[in-house]
């Protein structure tokens, strides 16, 4: 198998796995109510949902790492069609990787002890607000990256169906970036669509591997 072919195959597989892990990560966060404002209730909330937070944190870490080979493989396919848009879209996805790794550290601070350093409820509130602010930023960046890449995908071997699906996903990502406005149901739809698109693109990468290399 040629090196580029192997890279695209591996990237397709990792993109499928990344999409699945991102969705499972969201499922762990889905049943959690909004963090309470009072100090006592906040401590109880953190204890009650510690397992969900820790699982979401671990899944976010691995889902994000899997994006690295996926982006490289996607770039190899799309750069032949439009170098500028491909570079812009893939670089935006790379920014998401950096932000997500930071969010993994932030979310982990809610559940994992660090040298037995105790945090005050006010610090916990700051950590939670930074996490949700980061997720808001990621959703907006993902929306931009998806739409830009789909402008290239529709002319590539991945096909117009993948592009049109991606345009819808890009809009849903932008809508889902504002959960306090659209509500939990709409955010769930956007998360499901985004994960499904990753899986779909990964499958297209595997199915069109020979054309992509050629």
Foldseek 3Di string as FASTA:
>chain_A
DDPLLVLLLLLLVLLLVLLVLLLVLVVLVQVQDPQDDDQVSNVVSLVVSLVSLVSSLVSLLSSLVSVVSNLVSLLLLQCVQPVVLSVVLSVLSVVLSVLSVVLSVLSVVSRDADVNDDDGSVVNVVSVVVNLVSLLVSLLSNLVSLLSVLVRCCVTQLHNVLSVLSPVLSVLSNVLSCCVPPHSVSVSVSSNSVSVSSNSSSVSSNVCSVVSVD
